[in-house]
Structure formats: structure tokens, C-alpha cells
PDB file of N, CA and C in Angstrom:
ATOM      1  N   MET A   1       0.016   4.546  15.832  1.00  0.00           N
ATOM      2  CA  MET A   1       0.735   4.069  14.505  1.00  0.00           C
ATOM      3  C   MET A   1       2.187   4.266  14.842  1.00  0.00           C
ATOM      4  N   GLU A   2       2.670   4.736  16.066  1.00  0.00           N
ATOM      5  CA  GLU A   2       4.088   4.708  16.302  1.00  0.00           C
ATOM      6  C   GLU A   2       4.525   3.552  16.647  1.00  0.00           C
ATOM      7  N   ASP A   3       3.614   2.645  17.205  1.00  0.00           N
ATOM      8  CA  ASP A   3       4.000   1.407  17.783  1.00  0.00           C
ATOM      9  C   ASP A   3       3.924   0.582  16.569  1.00  0.00           C
ATOM     10  N   ALA A   4       3.498   0.787  15.303  1.00  0.00           N
ATOM     11  CA  ALA A   4       3.822   0.131  14.097  1.00  0.00           C
ATOM     12  C   ALA A   4       5.168   0.353  13.719  1.00  0.00           C
ATOM     13  N   CYS A   5       5.350   1.559  13.528  1.00  0.00           N
ATOM     14  CA  CYS A   5       6.576   1.978  13.078  1.00  0.00           C
ATOM     15  C   CYS A   5       7.875   1.420  13.982  1.00  0.00           C
ATOM     16  N   ASN A   6       7.722   1.425  15.161  1.00  0.00           N
ATOM     17  CA  ASN A   6       8.736   0.699  16.010  1.00  0.00           C
ATOM     18  C   ASN A   6       8.851  -0.684  15.680  1.00  0.00           C
ATOM     19  N   THR A   7       7.888  -1.376  15.305  1.00  0.00           N
ATOM     20  CA  THR A   7       7.938  -2.807  15.293  1.00  0.00           C
ATOM     21  C   THR A   7       8.312  -3.194  13.804  1.00  0.00           C
ATOM     22  N   MET A   8       8.307  -1.926  12.984  1.00  0.00           N
ATOM     23  CA  MET A   8       9.126  -1.986  11.505  1.00  0.00           C
ATOM     24  C   MET A   8      10.357  -1.766  11.538  1.00  0.00           C
ATOM     25  N   GLY A   9      11.073  -1.075  12.936  1.00  0.00           N
ATOM     26  CA  GLY A   9      12.369  -1.059  12.870  1.00  0.00           C
ATOM     27  C   GLY A   9      12.806   0.010  12.386  1.00  0.00           C
ATOM     28  N   ASP A  10      11.689   1.156  12.604  1.00  0.00           N
ATOM     29  CA  ASP A  10      12.189   2.487  11.954  1.00  0.00           C
ATOM     30  C   ASP A  10      13.506   3.457  12.292  1.00  0.00           C
ATOM     31  N   GLN A  11      14.098   3.999  11.651  1.00  0.00           N
ATOM     32  CA  GLN A  11      14.889   4.842  11.985  1.00  0.00           C
ATOM     33  C   GLN A  11      15.146   6.249  12.027  1.00  0.00           C
ATOM     34  N   MET A  12      13.688   6.637  11.093  1.00  0.00           N
ATOM     35  CA  MET A  12      13.577   8.262  11.354  1.00  0.00           C
ATOM     36  C   MET A  12      12.080   8.127  11.244  1.00  0.00           C
ATOM     37  N   LYS A  13      11.494   9.057  12.271  1.00  0.00           N
ATOM     38  CA  LYS A  13       9.845   9.217  12.017  1.00  0.00           C
ATOM     39  C   LYS A  13       9.625  10.575  11.192  1.00  0.00           C
ATOM     40  N   PHE A  14       8.655  10.580  10.718  1.00  0.00           N
ATOM     41  CA  PHE A  14       8.107  11.829   9.931  1.00  0.00           C
ATOM     42  C   PHE A  14       6.668  11.757   9.773  1.00  0.00           C
ATOM     43  N   LYS A  15       5.946  12.491   9.348  1.00  0.00           N
ATOM     44  CA  LYS A  15       4.482  12.665   9.307  1.00  0.00           C
ATOM     45  C   LYS A  15       4.176  12.520   7.611  1.00  0.00           C
ATOM     46  N   VAL A  16       3.419  11.615   7.218  1.00  0.00           N
ATOM     47  CA  VAL A  16       2.761  11.214   6.130  1.00  0.00           C
ATOM     48  C   VAL A  16       1.450  11.639   6.015  1.00  0.00           C
ATOM     49  N   ASP A  17       0.951  12.418   5.122  1.00  0.00           N
ATOM     50  CA  ASP A  17      -0.624  12.540   4.866  1.00  0.00           C
ATOM     51  C   ASP A  17      -1.499  11.129   4.241  1.00  0.00           C
ATOM     52  N   TYR A  18      -2.659  11.165   4.393  1.00  0.00           N
ATOM     53  CA  TYR A  18      -3.499  10.072   3.991  1.00  0.00           C
ATOM     54  C   TYR A  18      -3.352  10.184   2.284  1.00  0.00           C
ATOM     55  N   LEU A  19      -3.601   9.264   1.676  1.00  0.00           N
ATOM     56  CA  LEU A  19      -3.617   9.270   0.011  1.00  0.00           C
ATOM     57  C   LEU A  19      -5.033   9.254  -0.220  1.00  0.00           C
ATOM     58  N   ARG A  20      -5.314  10.083  -1.521  1.00  0.00           N
ATOM     59  CA  ARG A  20      -6.835   9.832  -2.148  1.00  0.00           C
ATOM     60  C   ARG A  20      -6.665   8.032  -2.530  1.00  0.00           C
ATOM     61  N   PRO A  21      -7.906   7.812  -2.647  1.00  0.00           N
ATOM     62  CA  PRO A  21      -7.805   6.463  -3.055  1.00  0.00           C
ATOM     63  C   PRO A  21      -7.178   6.151  -4.678  1.00  0.00           C
ATOM     64  N   ASP A  22      -7.599   7.072  -5.426  1.00  0.00           N
ATOM     65  CA  ASP A  22      -6.904   6.755  -6.522  1.00  0.00           C
ATOM     66  C   ASP A  22      -5.059   6.987  -6.461  1.00  0.00           C
ATOM     67  N   ASP A  23      -4.865   8.094  -5.644  1.00  0.00           N
ATOM     68  CA  ASP A  23      -3.435   7.841  -5.407  1.00  0.00           C
ATOM     69  C   ASP A  23      -3.042   6.570  -4.701  1.00  0.00           C
ATOM     70  N   ALA A  24      -3.457   6.145  -3.795  1.00  0.00           N
ATOM     71  CA  ALA A  24      -3.208   4.796  -3.220  1.00  0.00           C
ATOM     72  C   ALA A  24      -3.255   3.841  -4.222  1.00  0.00           C
ATOM     73  N   TRP A  25      -3.918   3.745  -5.309  1.00  0.00           N
ATOM     74  CA  TRP A  25      -3.972   2.590  -5.878  1.00  0.00           C
ATOM     75  C   TRP A  25      -2.934   2.569  -6.885  1.00  0.00           C
ATOM     76  N   ASN A  26      -2.542   3.937  -7.358  1.00  0.00           N
ATOM     77  CA  ASN A  26      -1.413   4.317  -8.027  1.00  0.00           C
ATOM     78  C   ASN A  26      -0.299   3.876  -7.656  1.00  0.00           C
ATOM     79  N   LEU A  27       0.035   3.501  -6.244  1.00  0.00           N
ATOM     80  CA  LEU A  27       1.035   2.913  -5.732  1.00  0.00           C
ATOM     81  C   LEU A  27       1.729   1.551  -6.276  1.00  0.00           C
ATOM     82  N   PHE A  28       0.631   0.899  -6.581  1.00  0.00           N
ATOM     83  CA  PHE A  28       0.429  -0.557  -6.860  1.00  0.00           C
ATOM     84  C   PHE A  28       1.865  -0.802  -8.069  1.00  0.00           C
ATOM     85  N   PRO A  29       1.580  -0.273  -9.077  1.00  0.00           N
ATOM     86  CA  PRO A  29       2.576  -0.322 -10.162  1.00  0.00           C
ATOM     87  C   PRO A  29       3.772  -0.118  -9.862  1.00  0.00           C
ATOM     88  N   LEU A  30       4.158   0.691  -8.664  1.00  0.00           N
ATOM     89  CA  LEU A  30       5.554   1.220  -8.485  1.00  0.00           C
ATOM     90  C   LEU A  30       6.266  -0.120  -7.809  1.00  0.00           C
ATOM     91  N   THR A  31       5.557  -0.879  -7.371  1.00  0.00           N
ATOM     92  CA  THR A  31       5.954  -2.138  -6.799  1.00  0.00           C
ATOM     93  C   THR A  31       5.323  -3.433  -7.173  1.00  0.00           C
ATOM     94  N   VAL A  32       4.314  -3.389  -7.802  1.00  0.00           N
ATOM     95  CA  VAL A  32       3.887  -4.629  -8.403  1.00  0.00           C
ATOM     96  C   VAL A  32       3.631  -4.502  -9.815  1.00  0.00           C
ATOM     97  N   THR A  33       4.175  -5.377 -10.782  1.00  0.00           N
ATOM     98  CA  THR A  33       3.946  -4.836 -12.233  1.00  0.00           C
ATOM     99  C   THR A  33       2.581  -5.370 -12.707  1.00  0.00           C
ATOM    100  N   ASP A  34       2.229  -4.711 -13.931  1.00  0.00           N
ATOM    101  CA  ASP A  34       1.141  -5.122 -14.575  1.00  0.00           C
ATOM    102  C   ASP A  34       1.144  -6.525 -14.803  1.00  0.00           C
ATOM    103  N   GLY A  35       2.271  -7.127 -14.935  1.00  0.00           N
ATOM    104  CA  GLY A  35       2.410  -8.596 -15.336  1.00  0.00           C
ATOM    105  C   GLY A  35       1.591  -9.270 -14.103  1.00  0.00           C
ATOM    106  N   VAL A  36       2.059  -8.891 -12.967  1.00  0.00           N
ATOM    107  CA  VAL A  36       1.470  -9.465 -11.389  1.00  0.00           C
ATOM    108  C   VAL A  36       0.093  -9.446 -11.820  1.00  0.00           C
ATOM    109  N   LEU A  37      -0.300  -7.945 -11.817  1.00  0.00           N
ATOM    110  CA  LEU A  37      -1.411  -7.794 -11.643  1.00  0.00           C
ATOM    111  C   LEU A  37      -2.645  -8.333 -12.813  1.00  0.00           C
ATOM    112  N   ASN A  38      -1.977  -8.483 -14.103  1.00  0.00           N
ATOM    113  CA  ASN A  38      -2.683  -9.130 -14.767  1.00  0.00           C
ATOM    114  C   ASN A  38      -2.565 -10.727 -14.619  1.00  0.00           C
ATOM    115  N   SER A  39      -1.821 -11.505 -14.006  1.00  0.00           N
ATOM    116  CA  SER A  39      -1.534 -12.839 -14.078  1.00  0.00           C
ATOM    117  C   SER A  39      -2.906 -13.545 -13.894  1.00  0.00           C
ATOM    118  N   HIS A  40      -3.710 -13.192 -13.117  1.00  0.00           N
ATOM    119  CA  HIS A  40      -4.883 -14.246 -12.688  1.00  0.00           C
ATOM    120  C   HIS A  40      -6.100 -13.158 -12.446  1.00  0.00           C
ATOM    121  N   THR A  41      -7.329 -13.539 -12.890  1.00  0.00           N
ATOM    122  CA  THR A  41      -8.387 -12.610 -12.813  1.00  0.00           C
ATOM    123  C   THR A  41      -8.708 -11.982 -11.734  1.00  0.00           C
ATOM    124  N   ASP A  42      -8.242 -12.880 -10.481  1.00  0.00           N
ATOM    125  CA  ASP A  42      -8.552 -12.277  -8.891  1.00  0.00           C
ATOM    126  C   ASP A  42      -7.452 -11.252  -8.546  1.00  0.00           C
ATOM    127  N   ILE A  43      -6.609 -11.466  -8.896  1.00  0.00           N
ATOM    128  CA  ILE A  43      -5.286 -10.634  -8.592  1.00  0.00           C
ATOM    129  C   ILE A  43      -5.778  -9.039  -8.080  1.00  0.00           C
ATOM    130  N   ARG A  44      -6.268  -8.675  -9.513  1.00  0.00           N
ATOM    131  CA  ARG A  44      -6.529  -7.156  -9.352  1.00  0.00           C
ATOM    132  C   ARG A  44      -7.756  -6.848  -8.565  1.00  0.00           C
ATOM    133  N   LYS A  45      -8.683  -7.433  -8.433  1.00  0.00           N
ATOM    134  CA  LYS A  45      -9.766  -7.284  -7.356  1.00  0.00           C
ATOM    135  C   LYS A  45      -9.218  -7.510  -6.173  1.00  0.00           C
ATOM    136  N   HIS A  46      -8.331  -8.369  -5.379  1.00  0.00           N
ATOM    137  CA  HIS A  46      -7.709  -8.193  -4.434  1.00  0.00           C
ATOM    138  C   HIS A  46      -6.715  -7.291  -4.118  1.00  0.00           C
ATOM    139  N   ALA A  47      -6.411  -6.826  -5.055  1.00  0.00           N
ATOM    140  CA  ALA A  47      -5.292  -5.763  -4.864  1.00  0.00           C
ATOM    141  C   ALA A  47      -6.012  -4.440  -4.399  1.00  0.00           C
ATOM    142  N   GLU A  48      -7.095  -4.197  -5.190  1.00  0.00           N
ATOM    143  CA  GLU A  48      -7.961  -2.972  -5.088  1.00  0.00           C
ATOM    144  C   GLU A  48      -8.568  -3.185  -3.521  1.00  0.00           C
ATOM    145  N   THR A  49      -8.685  -4.392  -3.032  1.00  0.00           N
ATOM    146  CA  THR A  49      -9.170  -4.476  -1.827  1.00  0.00           C
ATOM    147  C   THR A  49      -8.284  -4.305  -0.888  1.00  0.00           C
ATOM    148  N   VAL A  50      -6.957  -4.531  -0.891  1.00  0.00           N
ATOM    149  CA  VAL A  50      -5.977  -4.200  -0.075  1.00  0.00           C
ATOM    150  C   VAL A  50      -5.693  -2.763  -0.007  1.00  0.00           C
ATOM    151  N   ALA A  51      -5.839  -2.082  -1.270  1.00  0.00           N
ATOM    152  CA  ALA A  51      -5.519  -0.462  -1.410  1.00  0.00           C
ATOM    153  C   ALA A  51      -6.741   0.033  -0.450  1.00  0.00           C
ATOM    154  N   ALA A  52      -7.877  -0.334  -0.665  1.00  0.00           N
ATOM    155  CA  ALA A  52      -9.192   0.282   0.092  1.00  0.00           C
ATOM    156  C   ALA A  52      -8.752   0.228   1.568  1.00  0.00           C
ATOM    157  N   LEU A  53      -8.199  -0.930   2.045  1.00  0.00           N
ATOM    158  CA  LEU A  53      -8.281  -1.569   3.432  1.00  0.00           C
ATOM    159  C   LEU A  53      -7.162  -0.534   4.062  1.00  0.00           C
ATOM    160  N   CYS A  54      -6.275  -0.403   3.331  1.00  0.00           N
ATOM    161  CA  CYS A  54      -5.391   0.431   3.983  1.00  0.00           C
ATOM    162  C   CYS A  54      -5.656   1.807   4.390  1.00  0.00           C
ATOM    163  N   GLY A  55      -6.822   2.249   3.809  1.00  0.00           N
ATOM    164  CA  GLY A  55      -7.078   3.509   4.369  1.00  0.00           C
ATOM    165  C   GLY A  55      -6.339   4.852   3.784  1.00  0.00           C
ATOM    166  N   GLY A  56      -5.702   4.724   2.388  1.00  0.00           N
ATOM    167  CA  GLY A  56      -4.985   5.706   2.431  1.00  0.00           C
ATOM    168  C   GLY A  56      -3.801   6.205   3.081  1.00  0.00           C
ATOM    169  N   LEU A  57      -3.443   5.151   3.731  1.00  0.00           N
ATOM    170  CA  LEU A  57      -2.221   5.298   4.800  1.00  0.00           C
ATOM    171  C   LEU A  57      -0.851   4.632   3.623  1.00  0.00           C
ATOM    172  N   PRO A  58      -0.283   5.503   3.076  1.00  0.00           N
ATOM    173  CA  PRO A  58       0.870   5.099   2.007  1.00  0.00           C
ATOM    174  C   PRO A  58       2.052   3.764   2.715  1.00  0.00           C
ATOM    175  N   LEU A  59       2.201   4.092   3.905  1.00  0.00           N
ATOM    176  CA  LEU A  59       3.470   3.288   4.540  1.00  0.00           C
ATOM    177  C   LEU A  59       2.529   1.878   4.559  1.00  0.00           C
ATOM    178  N   ALA A  60       1.156   2.013   5.335  1.00  0.00           N
ATOM    179  CA  ALA A  60       0.571   0.535   5.455  1.00  0.00           C
ATOM    180  C   ALA A  60       0.605  -0.200   3.890  1.00  0.00           C
ATOM    181  N   LEU A  61       0.294   0.624   2.872  1.00  0.00           N
ATOM    182  CA  LEU A  61      -0.077   0.057   1.594  1.00  0.00           C
ATOM    183  C   LEU A  61       1.452  -0.572   1.181  1.00  0.00           C
ATOM    184  N   ILE A  62       2.188  -0.071   1.531  1.00  0.00           N
ATOM    185  CA  ILE A  62       3.882  -0.515   0.677  1.00  0.00           C
ATOM    186  C   ILE A  62       4.360  -1.800   1.613  1.00  0.00           C
ATOM    187  N   GLU A  63       3.848  -1.495   3.288  1.00  0.00           N
ATOM    188  CA  GLU A  63       4.255  -2.703   3.747  1.00  0.00           C
ATOM    189  C   GLU A  63       3.343  -4.028   3.576  1.00  0.00           C
ATOM    190  N   LYS A  64       2.094  -3.692   2.992  1.00  0.00           N
ATOM    191  CA  LYS A  64       1.329  -4.724   2.831  1.00  0.00           C
ATOM    192  C   LYS A  64       2.032  -5.599   1.587  1.00  0.00           C
ATOM    193  N   LEU A  65       2.571  -4.676   0.462  1.00  0.00           N
ATOM    194  CA  LEU A  65       3.176  -5.255  -0.842  1.00  0.00           C
ATOM    195  C   LEU A  65       4.391  -6.142  -0.382  1.00  0.00           C
TER     196      LEU A  65
END
């Protein structure tokens, strides 16, 4: 994980906990609006897949967006 932070050009390192699946999904509306999520029938399904693939890692989820 530290290599990923270095690649992203981190300036400070600190530990973050894993998110529960529902909390990971709740990050989406903070970055992607409902208008985008609802703009096509497949987008929400793909967004849910991305949230699941990030394994509760909030920084990975935000980076994917």
C-alpha cells in the first residue's frame, strides 16, 4: 500500500481503516452526483462493482473516481 501512496505523490502518510460496504457505497454521492449515477441504467451497477472491488479501502475508492 505504501508503494501506491508514493506513486500518487503523497505528502503525508497516515493509517485509515477499512470501510464497511455500505459506507464505501456512501462515498459515491460525495464525488459523483445522483444525476451521473442515474444518467444510464448500467452506471449504478458498475459503480456498485467498483465500490465492492475497492475492498473497503476509502483512498482506493476515491482514486478510482
